[in-house]
C-alpha atoms as a PDB file:
ATOM      1  CA  UNK A   1     173.836  17.655   6.125  1.00  0.00           C
ATOM      2  CA  UNK A   2     172.339  19.388   3.098  1.00  0.00           C
ATOM      3  CA  UNK A   3     172.401  16.093   1.196  1.00  0.00           C
ATOM      4  CA  UNK A   4     170.378  14.413   3.975  1.00  0.00           C
ATOM      5  CA  UNK A   5     167.829  17.229   3.942  1.00  0.00           C
ATOM      6  CA  UNK A   6     167.444  16.959   0.166  1.00  0.00           C
ATOM      7  CA  UNK A   7     166.889  13.212   0.443  1.00  0.00           C
ATOM      8  CA  UNK A   8     164.302  13.755   3.161  1.00  0.00           C
ATOM      9  CA  UNK A   9     162.403  16.253   0.985  1.00  0.00           C
ATOM     10  CA  UNK A  10     162.505  13.850  -1.959  1.00  0.00           C
ATOM     11  CA  UNK A  11     161.259  11.010   0.201  1.00  0.00           C
ATOM     12  CA  UNK A  12     158.443  13.152   1.507  1.00  0.00           C
ATOM     13  CA  UNK A  13     157.461  14.227  -2.021  1.00  0.00           C
ATOM     14  CA  UNK A  14     157.502  10.630  -3.243  1.00  0.00           C
ATOM     15  CA  UNK A  15     155.392   9.625  -0.278  1.00  0.00           C
ATOM     16  CA  UNK A  16     152.803  12.277  -1.125  1.00  0.00           C
ATOM     17  CA  UNK A  17     152.694  11.128  -4.766  1.00  0.00           C
ATOM     18  CA  UNK A  18     152.334   7.513  -3.718  1.00  0.00           C
ATOM     19  CA  UNK A  19     149.627   8.433  -1.246  1.00  0.00           C
ATOM     20  CA  UNK A  20     147.708  10.397  -3.907  1.00  0.00           C
ATOM     21  CA  UNK A  21     148.034   7.548  -6.383  1.00  0.00           C
ATOM     22  CA  UNK A  22     146.838   5.055  -3.781  1.00  0.00           C
ATOM     23  CA  UNK A  23     143.876   7.297  -2.951  1.00  0.00           C
ATOM     24  CA  UNK A  24     142.847   7.529  -6.579  1.00  0.00           C
ATOM     25  CA  UNK A  25     143.148   3.775  -7.197  1.00  0.00           C
ATOM     26  CA  UNK A  26     140.814   2.910  -4.327  1.00  0.00           C
ATOM     27  CA  UNK A  27     138.478   5.846  -4.841  1.00  0.00           C
ATOM     28  CA  UNK A  28     135.680   5.909  -3.951  1.00  0.00           C
ATOM     29  CA  UNK A  29     135.335   3.386  -1.146  1.00  0.00           C
ATOM     30  CA  UNK A  30     132.705   5.236   0.919  1.00  0.00           C
ATOM     31  CA  UNK A  31     129.833   7.696   0.354  1.00  0.00           C
ATOM     32  CA  UNK A  32     130.624  11.113  -1.106  1.00  0.00           C
ATOM     33  CA  UNK A  33     129.218  14.235   0.507  1.00  0.00           C
ATOM     34  CA  UNK A  34     127.811  16.650  -2.081  1.00  0.00           C
ATOM     35  CA  UNK A  35     127.285  20.068  -0.528  1.00  0.00           C
ATOM     36  CA  UNK A  36     124.503  22.166  -2.032  1.00  0.00           C
ATOM     37  CA  UNK A  37     124.887  25.764  -0.801  1.00  0.00           C
ATOM     38  CA  UNK A  38     121.184  26.504  -1.251  1.00  0.00           C
ATOM     39  CA  UNK A  39     117.951  25.303   0.414  1.00  0.00           C
ATOM     40  CA  UNK A  40     116.320  21.947  -0.255  1.00  0.00           C
ATOM     41  CA  UNK A  41     113.655  21.634  -2.957  1.00  0.00           C
ATOM     42  CA  UNK A  42     115.087  24.449  -5.118  1.00  0.00           C
ATOM     43  CA  UNK A  43     116.391  23.909  -8.653  1.00  0.00           C
ATOM     44  CA  UNK A  44     120.013  23.537  -7.504  1.00  0.00           C
ATOM     45  CA  UNK A  45     119.032  20.954  -4.907  1.00  0.00           C
ATOM     46  CA  UNK A  46     116.901  18.963  -7.359  1.00  0.00           C
ATOM     47  CA  UNK A  47     119.716  19.061  -9.916  1.00  0.00           C
ATOM     48  CA  UNK A  48     122.123  17.740  -7.279  1.00  0.00           C
ATOM     49  CA  UNK A  49     119.788  14.870  -6.395  1.00  0.00           C
ATOM     50  CA  UNK A  50     119.159  13.964 -10.017  1.00  0.00           C
ATOM     51  CA  UNK A  51     122.821  13.950 -11.004  1.00  0.00           C
ATOM     52  CA  UNK A  52     123.994  12.595  -7.665  1.00  0.00           C
ATOM     53  CA  UNK A  53     121.940   9.439  -7.972  1.00  0.00           C
ATOM     54  CA  UNK A  54     123.210   8.654 -11.456  1.00  0.00           C
ATOM     55  CA  UNK A  55     126.813   9.580 -10.640  1.00  0.00           C
ATOM     56  CA  UNK A  56     126.668   7.316  -7.603  1.00  0.00           C
ATOM     57  CA  UNK A  57     125.699   4.440  -9.879  1.00  0.00           C
ATOM     58  CA  UNK A  58     128.613   5.199 -12.186  1.00  0.00           C
ATOM     59  CA  UNK A  59     131.079   5.451  -9.275  1.00  0.00           C
ATOM     60  CA  UNK A  60     129.745   2.492  -7.315  1.00  0.00           C
ATOM     61  CA  UNK A  61     128.907   4.543  -4.238  1.00  0.00           C
ATOM     62  CA  UNK A  62     126.328   7.003  -2.875  1.00  0.00           C
ATOM     63  CA  UNK A  63     126.377  10.791  -3.178  1.00  0.00           C
ATOM     64  CA  UNK A  64     124.787  12.170  -0.031  1.00  0.00           C
ATOM     65  CA  UNK A  65     123.230  15.601  -0.530  1.00  0.00           C
ATOM     66  CA  UNK A  66     124.015  18.058   2.268  1.00  0.00           C
ATOM     67  CA  UNK A  67     122.170  21.399   2.042  1.00  0.00           C
ATOM     68  CA  UNK A  68     124.156  24.239   3.610  1.00  0.00           C
ATOM     69  CA  UNK A  69     122.315  27.424   2.572  1.00  0.00           C
ATOM     70  CA  UNK A  70     123.146  30.970   3.588  1.00  0.00           C
ATOM     71  CA  UNK A  71     125.064  34.099   2.579  1.00  0.00           C
ATOM     72  CA  UNK A  72     124.318  33.630  -1.121  1.00  0.00           C
ATOM     73  CA  UNK A  73     125.971  30.220  -1.156  1.00  0.00           C
ATOM     74  CA  UNK A  74     129.106  31.314   0.714  1.00  0.00           C
ATOM     75  CA  UNK A  75     128.486  29.141   3.790  1.00  0.00           C
ATOM     76  CA  UNK A  76     128.371  25.872   1.867  1.00  0.00           C
ATOM     77  CA  UNK A  77     131.179  26.932  -0.453  1.00  0.00           C
ATOM     78  CA  UNK A  78     133.426  27.806   2.474  1.00  0.00           C
ATOM     79  CA  UNK A  79     132.790  24.416   4.048  1.00  0.00           C
ATOM     80  CA  UNK A  80     134.030  22.666   0.902  1.00  0.00           C
ATOM     81  CA  UNK A  81     136.972  25.033   0.429  1.00  0.00           C
ATOM     82  CA  UNK A  82     138.245  24.096   3.887  1.00  0.00           C
ATOM     83  CA  UNK A  83     137.598  20.339   3.610  1.00  0.00           C
ATOM     84  CA  UNK A  84     140.192  17.631   3.041  1.00  0.00           C
ATOM     85  CA  UNK A  85     141.187  17.165  -0.640  1.00  0.00           C
ATOM     86  CA  UNK A  86     140.266  13.485  -0.681  1.00  0.00           C
ATOM     87  CA  UNK A  87     137.296  13.556  -3.060  1.00  0.00           C
ATOM     88  CA  UNK A  88     134.716  12.837  -0.371  1.00  0.00           C
ATOM     89  CA  UNK A  89     133.424  16.407  -0.033  1.00  0.00           C
ATOM     90  CA  UNK A  90     132.268  18.155  -3.207  1.00  0.00           C
ATOM     91  CA  UNK A  91     130.383  21.340  -4.040  1.00  0.00           C
ATOM     92  CA  UNK A  92     127.642  21.989  -6.553  1.00  0.00           C
ATOM     93  CA  UNK A  93     128.482  25.586  -7.415  1.00  0.00           C
ATOM     94  CA  UNK A  94     126.572  28.091  -9.542  1.00  0.00           C
ATOM     95  CA  UNK A  95     126.954  31.449 -11.227  1.00  0.00           C
ATOM     96  CA  UNK A  96     125.938  33.023  -7.905  1.00  0.00           C
ATOM     97  CA  UNK A  97     128.724  31.399  -5.891  1.00  0.00           C
ATOM     98  CA  UNK A  98     131.666  31.561  -8.289  1.00  0.00           C
ATOM     99  CA  UNK A  99     130.937  34.289 -10.870  1.00  0.00           C
ATOM    100  CA  UNK A 100     128.803  36.922  -9.178  1.00  0.00           C
ATOM    101  CA  UNK A 101     129.782  36.288  -5.547  1.00  0.00           C
ATOM    102  CA  UNK A 102     133.435  37.352  -5.890  1.00  0.00           C
ATOM    103  CA  UNK A 103     132.408  40.508  -7.774  1.00  0.00           C
ATOM    104  CA  UNK A 104     129.731  41.684  -5.382  1.00  0.00           C
ATOM    105  CA  UNK A 105     130.836  40.443  -1.950  1.00  0.00           C
ATOM    106  CA  UNK A 106     133.655  42.452  -0.416  1.00  0.00           C
ATOM    107  CA  UNK A 107     135.055  39.756   1.862  1.00  0.00           C
ATOM    108  CA  UNK A 108     134.510  36.136   0.966  1.00  0.00           C
ATOM    109  CA  UNK A 109     136.236  33.690   3.329  1.00  0.00           C
ATOM    110  CA  UNK A 110     137.843  31.942   0.336  1.00  0.00           C
ATOM    111  CA  UNK A 111     139.204  32.607  -3.124  1.00  0.00           C
ATOM    112  CA  UNK A 112     136.950  31.063  -5.761  1.00  0.00           C
ATOM    113  CA  UNK A 113     139.902  30.253  -8.028  1.00  0.00           C
ATOM    114  CA  UNK A 114     142.731  29.441  -5.616  1.00  0.00           C
ATOM    115  CA  UNK A 115     140.754  27.433  -3.048  1.00  0.00           C
ATOM    116  CA  UNK A 116     138.806  25.085  -5.350  1.00  0.00           C
ATOM    117  CA  UNK A 117     139.502  22.394  -7.921  1.00  0.00           C
ATOM    118  CA  UNK A 118     137.172  22.526 -10.952  1.00  0.00           C
ATOM    119  CA  UNK A 119     135.680  19.157 -11.862  1.00  0.00           C
ATOM    120  CA  UNK A 120     132.818  19.442 -14.361  1.00  0.00           C
ATOM    121  CA  UNK A 121     130.364  21.865 -15.900  1.00  0.00           C
ATOM    122  CA  UNK A 122     126.987  20.107 -15.735  1.00  0.00           C
ATOM    123  CA  UNK A 123     124.259  22.488 -16.861  1.00  0.00           C
ATOM    124  CA  UNK A 124     122.931  25.925 -17.764  1.00  0.00           C
ATOM    125  CA  UNK A 125     119.592  27.523 -16.946  1.00  0.00           C
ATOM    126  CA  UNK A 126     118.586  30.294 -19.347  1.00  0.00           C
ATOM    127  CA  UNK A 127     116.083  33.028 -18.560  1.00  0.00           C
ATOM    128  CA  UNK A 128     113.262  34.577 -20.571  1.00  0.00           C
ATOM    129  CA  UNK A 129     112.289  38.205 -21.009  1.00  0.00           C
ATOM    130  CA  UNK A 130     108.724  38.643 -19.747  1.00  0.00           C
ATOM    131  CA  UNK A 131     106.396  41.611 -20.188  1.00  0.00           C
ATOM    132  CA  UNK A 132     102.698  42.181 -19.398  1.00  0.00           C
ATOM    133  CA  UNK A 133     100.238  41.279 -22.159  1.00  0.00           C
ATOM    134  CA  UNK A 134      99.233  44.956 -22.040  1.00  0.00           C
ATOM    135  CA  UNK A 135     102.737  45.993 -23.140  1.00  0.00           C
ATOM    136  CA  UNK A 136     102.843  47.666 -26.557  1.00  0.00           C
ATOM    137  CA  UNK A 137     105.951  45.624 -27.379  1.00  0.00           C
ATOM    138  CA  UNK A 138     105.646  42.244 -29.056  1.00  0.00           C
ATOM    139  CA  UNK A 139     109.349  41.847 -29.844  1.00  0.00           C
ATOM    140  CA  UNK A 140     112.633  42.683 -28.148  1.00  0.00           C
ATOM    141  CA  UNK A 141     113.279  45.421 -30.703  1.00  0.00           C
ATOM    142  CA  UNK A 142     109.877  46.974 -30.048  1.00  0.00           C
ATOM    143  CA  UNK A 143     110.481  46.903 -26.285  1.00  0.00           C
ATOM    144  CA  UNK A 144     113.841  48.644 -26.674  1.00  0.00           C
ATOM    145  CA  UNK A 145     112.274  51.297 -28.890  1.00  0.00           C
ATOM    146  CA  UNK A 146     109.463  51.757 -26.338  1.00  0.00           C
ATOM    147  CA  UNK A 147     111.997  52.153 -23.511  1.00  0.00           C
ATOM    148  CA  UNK A 148     114.072  54.661 -25.461  1.00  0.00           C
ATOM    149  CA  UNK A 149     110.975  56.770 -26.050  1.00  0.00           C
ATOM    150  CA  UNK A 150     110.149  56.662 -22.325  1.00  0.00           C
ATOM    151  CA  UNK A 151     113.480  57.078 -20.478  1.00  0.00           C
ATOM    152  CA  UNK A 152     113.104  56.579 -16.736  1.00  0.00           C
ATOM    153  CA  UNK A 153     109.386  55.806 -16.969  1.00  0.00           C
ATOM    154  CA  UNK A 154     109.694  52.029 -17.229  1.00  0.00           C
ATOM    155  CA  UNK A 155     110.866  49.630 -14.523  1.00  0.00           C
ATOM    156  CA  UNK A 156     112.117  46.098 -14.130  1.00  0.00           C
ATOM    157  CA  UNK A 157     111.741  43.643 -11.263  1.00  0.00           C
ATOM    158  CA  UNK A 158     114.413  41.397  -9.805  1.00  0.00           C
ATOM    159  CA  UNK A 159     114.723  38.790  -7.089  1.00  0.00           C
ATOM    160  CA  UNK A 160     116.907  41.155  -5.078  1.00  0.00           C
ATOM    161  CA  UNK A 161     119.996  43.331  -5.230  1.00  0.00           C
ATOM    162  CA  UNK A 162     123.039  41.633  -6.667  1.00  0.00           C
ATOM    163  CA  UNK A 163     121.178  38.602  -8.009  1.00  0.00           C
ATOM    164  CA  UNK A 164     121.550  37.093 -11.465  1.00  0.00           C
ATOM    165  CA  UNK A 165     118.094  38.479 -12.286  1.00  0.00           C
ATOM    166  CA  UNK A 166     119.199  42.052 -11.593  1.00  0.00           C
ATOM    167  CA  UNK A 167     122.522  41.616 -13.369  1.00  0.00           C
ATOM    168  CA  UNK A 168     120.786  40.156 -16.435  1.00  0.00           C
ATOM    169  CA  UNK A 169     118.538  43.209 -16.630  1.00  0.00           C
ATOM    170  CA  UNK A 170     121.501  45.545 -16.165  1.00  0.00           C
ATOM    171  CA  UNK A 171     123.410  43.730 -18.905  1.00  0.00           C
ATOM    172  CA  UNK A 172     120.374  44.193 -21.136  1.00  0.00           C
ATOM    173  CA  UNK A 173     120.158  47.900 -20.256  1.00  0.00           C
ATOM    174  CA  UNK A 174     123.857  48.357 -20.949  1.00  0.00           C
ATOM    175  CA  UNK A 175     123.726  46.738 -24.385  1.00  0.00           C
ATOM    176  CA  UNK A 176     120.389  48.265 -25.370  1.00  0.00           C
ATOM    177  CA  UNK A 177     121.269  51.741 -24.138  1.00  0.00           C
ATOM    178  CA  UNK A 178     118.042  52.220 -22.156  1.00  0.00           C
ATOM    179  CA  UNK A 179     117.249  53.775 -18.767  1.00  0.00           C
ATOM    180  CA  UNK A 180     114.920  51.528 -16.738  1.00  0.00           C
ATOM    181  CA  UNK A 181     114.356  51.708 -12.965  1.00  0.00           C
ATOM    182  CA  UNK A 182     115.123  48.722 -10.727  1.00  0.00           C
ATOM    183  CA  UNK A 183     112.441  47.409  -8.347  1.00  0.00           C
ATOM    184  CA  UNK A 184     113.869  44.616  -6.134  1.00  0.00           C
ATOM    185  CA  UNK A 185     111.608  41.899  -4.724  1.00  0.00           C
ATOM    186  CA  UNK A 186     112.321  38.989  -2.377  1.00  0.00           C
ATOM    187  CA  UNK A 187     112.100  36.471  -5.192  1.00  0.00           C
ATOM    188  CA  UNK A 188     110.648  36.640  -8.702  1.00  0.00           C
ATOM    189  CA  UNK A 189     107.482  34.794  -7.639  1.00  0.00           C
ATOM    190  CA  UNK A 190     106.489  37.868  -5.625  1.00  0.00           C
ATOM    191  CA  UNK A 191     107.008  40.097  -8.660  1.00  0.00           C
ATOM    192  CA  UNK A 192     104.840  38.058 -11.044  1.00  0.00           C
ATOM    193  CA  UNK A 193     101.451  39.454  -9.877  1.00  0.00           C
ATOM    194  CA  UNK A 194     102.716  43.021 -10.368  1.00  0.00           C
ATOM    195  CA  UNK A 195     104.087  42.094 -13.782  1.00  0.00           C
ATOM    196  CA  UNK A 196     100.757  40.566 -14.790  1.00  0.00           C
ATOM    197  CA  UNK A 197      98.871  43.678 -13.624  1.00  0.00           C
ATOM    198  CA  UNK A 198     101.254  46.002 -15.472  1.00  0.00           C
ATOM    199  CA  UNK A 199     102.812  47.644 -12.420  1.00  0.00           C
ATOM    200  CA  UNK A 200     106.116  46.126 -13.559  1.00  0.00           C
ATOM    201  CA  UNK A 201     107.253  46.529 -17.163  1.00  0.00           C
ATOM    202  CA  UNK A 202     109.742  43.686 -17.568  1.00  0.00           C
ATOM    203  CA  UNK A 203     111.243  40.728 -15.709  1.00  0.00           C
ATOM    204  CA  UNK A 204     113.974  38.270 -16.665  1.00  0.00           C
ATOM    205  CA  UNK A 205     112.730  35.049 -15.089  1.00  0.00           C
ATOM    206  CA  UNK A 206     113.550  31.354 -15.224  1.00  0.00           C
ATOM    207  CA  UNK A 207     111.759  29.104 -17.693  1.00  0.00           C
ATOM    208  CA  UNK A 208     109.967  26.855 -15.158  1.00  0.00           C
ATOM    209  CA  UNK A 209     108.413  29.784 -13.276  1.00  0.00           C
ATOM    210  CA  UNK A 210     107.839  32.117 -16.217  1.00  0.00           C
ATOM    211  CA  UNK A 211     106.603  29.938 -19.074  1.00  0.00           C
ATOM    212  CA  UNK A 212     103.427  28.616 -17.359  1.00  0.00           C
ATOM    213  CA  UNK A 213     102.147  32.216 -17.178  1.00  0.00           C
ATOM    214  CA  UNK A 214     103.017  32.706 -20.840  1.00  0.00           C
ATOM    215  CA  UNK A 215     101.212  29.557 -21.912  1.00  0.00           C
ATOM    216  CA  UNK A 216      98.167  30.558 -19.847  1.00  0.00           C
ATOM    217  CA  UNK A 217      98.085  33.917 -21.616  1.00  0.00           C
ATOM    218  CA  UNK A 218      98.844  35.999 -18.517  1.00  0.00           C
ATOM    219  CA  UNK A 219     102.288  37.183 -19.686  1.00  0.00           C
ATOM    220  CA  UNK A 220     104.170  37.623 -22.955  1.00  0.00           C
ATOM    221  CA  UNK A 221     107.665  36.242 -23.536  1.00  0.00           C
ATOM    222  CA  UNK A 222     109.796  38.269 -25.934  1.00  0.00           C
ATOM    223  CA  UNK A 223     112.998  36.261 -25.992  1.00  0.00           C
ATOM    224  CA  UNK A 224     115.415  33.868 -24.333  1.00  0.00           C
ATOM    225  CA  UNK A 225     118.840  34.748 -22.900  1.00  0.00           C
ATOM    226  CA  UNK A 226     120.801  32.068 -24.762  1.00  0.00           C
ATOM    227  CA  UNK A 227     122.906  32.881 -27.837  1.00  0.00           C
ATOM    228  CA  UNK A 228     120.850  30.449 -29.911  1.00  0.00           C
ATOM    229  CA  UNK A 229     117.326  29.123 -29.593  1.00  0.00           C
ATOM    230  CA  UNK A 230     116.971  26.957 -26.517  1.00  0.00           C
ATOM    231  CA  UNK A 231     115.593  23.420 -26.877  1.00  0.00           C
ATOM    232  CA  UNK A 232     113.675  24.170 -23.677  1.00  0.00           C
ATOM    233  CA  UNK A 233     111.690  26.945 -25.407  1.00  0.00           C
ATOM    234  CA  UNK A 234     112.354  26.634 -29.143  1.00  0.00           C
ATOM    235  CA  UNK A 235     109.514  29.014 -29.997  1.00  0.00           C
ATOM    236  CA  UNK A 236     111.355  31.971 -28.435  1.00  0.00           C
ATOM    237  CA  UNK A 237     113.981  33.920 -30.386  1.00  0.00           C
ATOM    238  CA  UNK A 238     117.277  34.698 -28.649  1.00  0.00           C
ATOM    239  CA  UNK A 239     117.620  38.257 -27.389  1.00  0.00           C
ATOM    240  CA  UNK A 240     121.033  38.026 -29.074  1.00  0.00           C
ATOM    241  CA  UNK A 241     119.255  38.245 -32.439  1.00  0.00           C
ATOM    242  CA  UNK A 242     118.532  41.876 -31.513  1.00  0.00           C
ATOM    243  CA  UNK A 243     121.485  42.568 -29.188  1.00  0.00           C
ATOM    244  CA  UNK A 244     124.428  40.599 -30.669  1.00  0.00           C
ATOM    245  CA  UNK A 245     126.365  38.680 -28.043  1.00  0.00           C
ATOM    246  CA  UNK A 246     123.755  39.095 -25.314  1.00  0.00           C
ATOM    247  CA  UNK A 247     123.822  36.028 -23.077  1.00  0.00           C
ATOM    248  CA  UNK A 248     122.902  35.259 -19.496  1.00  0.00           C
ATOM    249  CA  UNK A 249     122.757  31.763 -18.067  1.00  0.00           C
ATOM    250  CA  UNK A 250     122.928  30.360 -14.585  1.00  0.00           C
ATOM    251  CA  UNK A 251     125.578  27.676 -14.861  1.00  0.00           C
ATOM    252  CA  UNK A 252     125.989  24.701 -12.520  1.00  0.00           C
ATOM    253  CA  UNK A 253     129.185  22.767 -11.906  1.00  0.00           C
ATOM    254  CA  UNK A 254     131.094  20.535  -9.531  1.00  0.00           C
ATOM    255  CA  UNK A 255     134.125  21.638  -7.541  1.00  0.00           C
ATOM    256  CA  UNK A 256     136.310  20.041  -4.917  1.00  0.00           C
ATOM    257  CA  UNK A 257     138.720  21.710  -2.501  1.00  0.00           C
ATOM    258  CA  UNK A 258     142.095  22.749  -3.884  1.00  0.00           C
ATOM    259  CA  UNK A 259     144.787  20.102  -4.413  1.00  0.00           C
ATOM    260  CA  UNK A 260     142.274  17.394  -5.301  1.00  0.00           C
ATOM    261  CA  UNK A 261     144.315  14.579  -6.928  1.00  0.00           C
ATOM    262  CA  UNK A 262     144.155  14.597 -10.723  1.00  0.00           C
ATOM    263  CA  UNK A 263     143.042  10.960 -10.914  1.00  0.00           C
ATOM    264  CA  UNK A 264     140.152  11.626  -8.553  1.00  0.00           C
ATOM    265  CA  UNK A 265     139.143  14.673 -10.601  1.00  0.00           C
ATOM    266  CA  UNK A 266     139.229  12.541 -13.766  1.00  0.00           C
ATOM    267  CA  UNK A 267     136.960   9.879 -12.209  1.00  0.00           C
ATOM    268  CA  UNK A 268     134.450  12.462 -11.038  1.00  0.00           C
ATOM    269  CA  UNK A 269     134.516  14.313 -14.356  1.00  0.00           C
ATOM    270  CA  UNK A 270     133.820  11.089 -16.273  1.00  0.00           C
ATOM    271  CA  UNK A 271     130.998  10.122 -13.905  1.00  0.00           C
ATOM    272  CA  UNK A 272     129.386  13.556 -14.335  1.00  0.00           C
ATOM    273  CA  UNK A 273     129.704  13.492 -18.130  1.00  0.00           C
ATOM    274  CA  UNK A 274     128.340   9.945 -18.276  1.00  0.00           C
ATOM    275  CA  UNK A 275     125.387  10.927 -16.068  1.00  0.00           C
ATOM    276  CA  UNK A 276     124.579  13.850 -18.376  1.00  0.00           C
ATOM    277  CA  UNK A 277     124.301  11.476 -21.338  1.00  0.00           C
ATOM    278  CA  UNK A 278     121.540   9.493 -19.604  1.00  0.00           C
ATOM    279  CA  UNK A 279     118.128  10.196 -21.209  1.00  0.00           C
ATOM    280  CA  UNK A 280     116.268  10.039 -17.890  1.00  0.00           C
ATOM    281  CA  UNK A 281     118.630  12.593 -16.361  1.00  0.00           C
ATOM    282  CA  UNK A 282     118.280  14.890 -19.374  1.00  0.00           C
ATOM    283  CA  UNK A 283     114.474  14.710 -19.174  1.00  0.00           C
ATOM    284  CA  UNK A 284     114.506  15.587 -15.472  1.00  0.00           C
ATOM    285  CA  UNK A 285     116.859  18.511 -16.063  1.00  0.00           C
ATOM    286  CA  UNK A 286     114.609  19.817 -18.838  1.00  0.00           C
ATOM    287  CA  UNK A 287     111.704  19.893 -16.388  1.00  0.00           C
ATOM    288  CA  UNK A 288     113.889  22.030 -14.113  1.00  0.00           C
ATOM    289  CA  UNK A 289     114.607  24.432 -16.967  1.00  0.00           C
ATOM    290  CA  UNK A 290     118.230  23.295 -17.200  1.00  0.00           C
ATOM    291  CA  UNK A 291     120.092  22.447 -20.394  1.00  0.00           C
ATOM    292  CA  UNK A 292     122.680  19.691 -19.826  1.00  0.00           C
ATOM    293  CA  UNK A 293     126.198  20.930 -20.473  1.00  0.00           C
ATOM    294  CA  UNK A 294     128.193  19.512 -23.352  1.00  0.00           C
ATOM    295  CA  UNK A 295     130.641  16.962 -21.880  1.00  0.00           C
ATOM    296  CA  UNK A 296     133.934  18.708 -21.242  1.00  0.00           C
ATOM    297  CA  UNK A 297     137.138  18.764 -19.233  1.00  0.00           C
ATOM    298  CA  UNK A 298     137.843  20.483 -15.912  1.00  0.00           C
ATOM    299  CA  UNK A 299     140.095  22.909 -17.798  1.00  0.00           C
ATOM    300  CA  UNK A 300     137.262  23.894 -20.144  1.00  0.00           C
ATOM    301  CA  UNK A 301     134.990  24.407 -17.148  1.00  0.00           C
ATOM    302  CA  UNK A 302     137.559  26.646 -15.448  1.00  0.00           C
ATOM    303  CA  UNK A 303     137.964  28.780 -18.581  1.00  0.00           C
ATOM    304  CA  UNK A 304     134.208  29.161 -18.986  1.00  0.00           C
ATOM    305  CA  UNK A 305     133.827  30.333 -15.381  1.00  0.00           C
ATOM    306  CA  UNK A 306     136.723  32.776 -15.742  1.00  0.00           C
ATOM    307  CA  UNK A 307     135.065  34.404 -18.774  1.00  0.00           C
ATOM    308  CA  UNK A 308     131.678  34.461 -17.051  1.00  0.00           C
ATOM    309  CA  UNK A 309     133.093  35.970 -13.858  1.00  0.00           C
ATOM    310  CA  UNK A 310     134.876  38.705 -15.806  1.00  0.00           C
ATOM    311  CA  UNK A 311     131.656  39.605 -17.629  1.00  0.00           C
ATOM    312  CA  UNK A 312     129.622  39.973 -14.434  1.00  0.00           C
ATOM    313  CA  UNK A 313     132.389  41.824 -12.619  1.00  0.00           C
ATOM    314  CA  UNK A 314     132.398  44.429 -15.380  1.00  0.00           C
ATOM    315  CA  UNK A 315     128.633  44.870 -15.064  1.00  0.00           C
ATOM    316  CA  UNK A 316     128.875  45.119 -11.263  1.00  0.00           C
ATOM    317  CA  UNK A 317     131.594  47.763 -11.467  1.00  0.00           C
ATOM    318  CA  UNK A 318     130.219  49.732 -14.422  1.00  0.00           C
ATOM    319  CA  UNK A 319     126.647  49.807 -13.086  1.00  0.00           C
ATOM    320  CA  UNK A 320     127.741  50.294  -9.446  1.00  0.00           C
ATOM    321  CA  UNK A 321     125.711  47.305  -8.267  1.00  0.00           C
ATOM    322  CA  UNK A 322     125.743  46.211  -4.627  1.00  0.00           C
ATOM    323  CA  UNK A 323     123.980  43.442  -2.739  1.00  0.00           C
ATOM    324  CA  UNK A 324     122.588  45.877  -0.189  1.00  0.00           C
END
């Protein structure tokens, strides 16, 4: 009896392997649904459409963008986590969904490691440190010195509690050893007028929204949040030149649900990496303030996210940050 049961288990296992292999060989044979867990027309959505079109060409199919915003990206992420592992439902995840979300949200309906299959890291969006032109500081070092001389008198704006903008500022405060008050706004665009007028002392904003004000002479940029100079703003020194190791990027990457067949993952990873090498794609990403990721493996992507998540969790815990 036991022998029969063992044979049945082996047969079932072989059937699953054969089925997975068959799926990969014929994949894809219909459109792929790419879930974007944020609203249409935002940077994440435009990135998805830019990459999706080129990846579709590489795969011989169409990537259909499906915007499922809400709960900081959790609604769209949950949809993908609970979808069939057949390669026809994918997620464009970000720092917010898979690094910050688990650290700041008490009860996510999924586990960001266990319930997803990493596919490819596709891009990073750095931020810039902005101050009013009336600020006495013209460098990062000068701003830190100014803040240390005025503890509790300066403030920073963010796009809301628990956002990457707030966490970037708190990381800066932690490494610089300064006391600066948080003023949350419903988006950085609403904070810009107060920054220009001098009511706000500093803001870590994205390149596309911040640099136009710098170039028009309404704001001053002190540095960029990448470890090295960014090709998107080569004139700005890295904040890391003053605070060694300081780095804050919004990363973007593709995930599938857990148990996605390895061959399907490999096809999607190659299509993403090939799309990122396309000059037209790279130009479009640059206009969005996104640096294309260096082509890499799913394993490298998973390791990068693990390190990033650990960094933000420490900041959330140490600085007692909540999303309320």
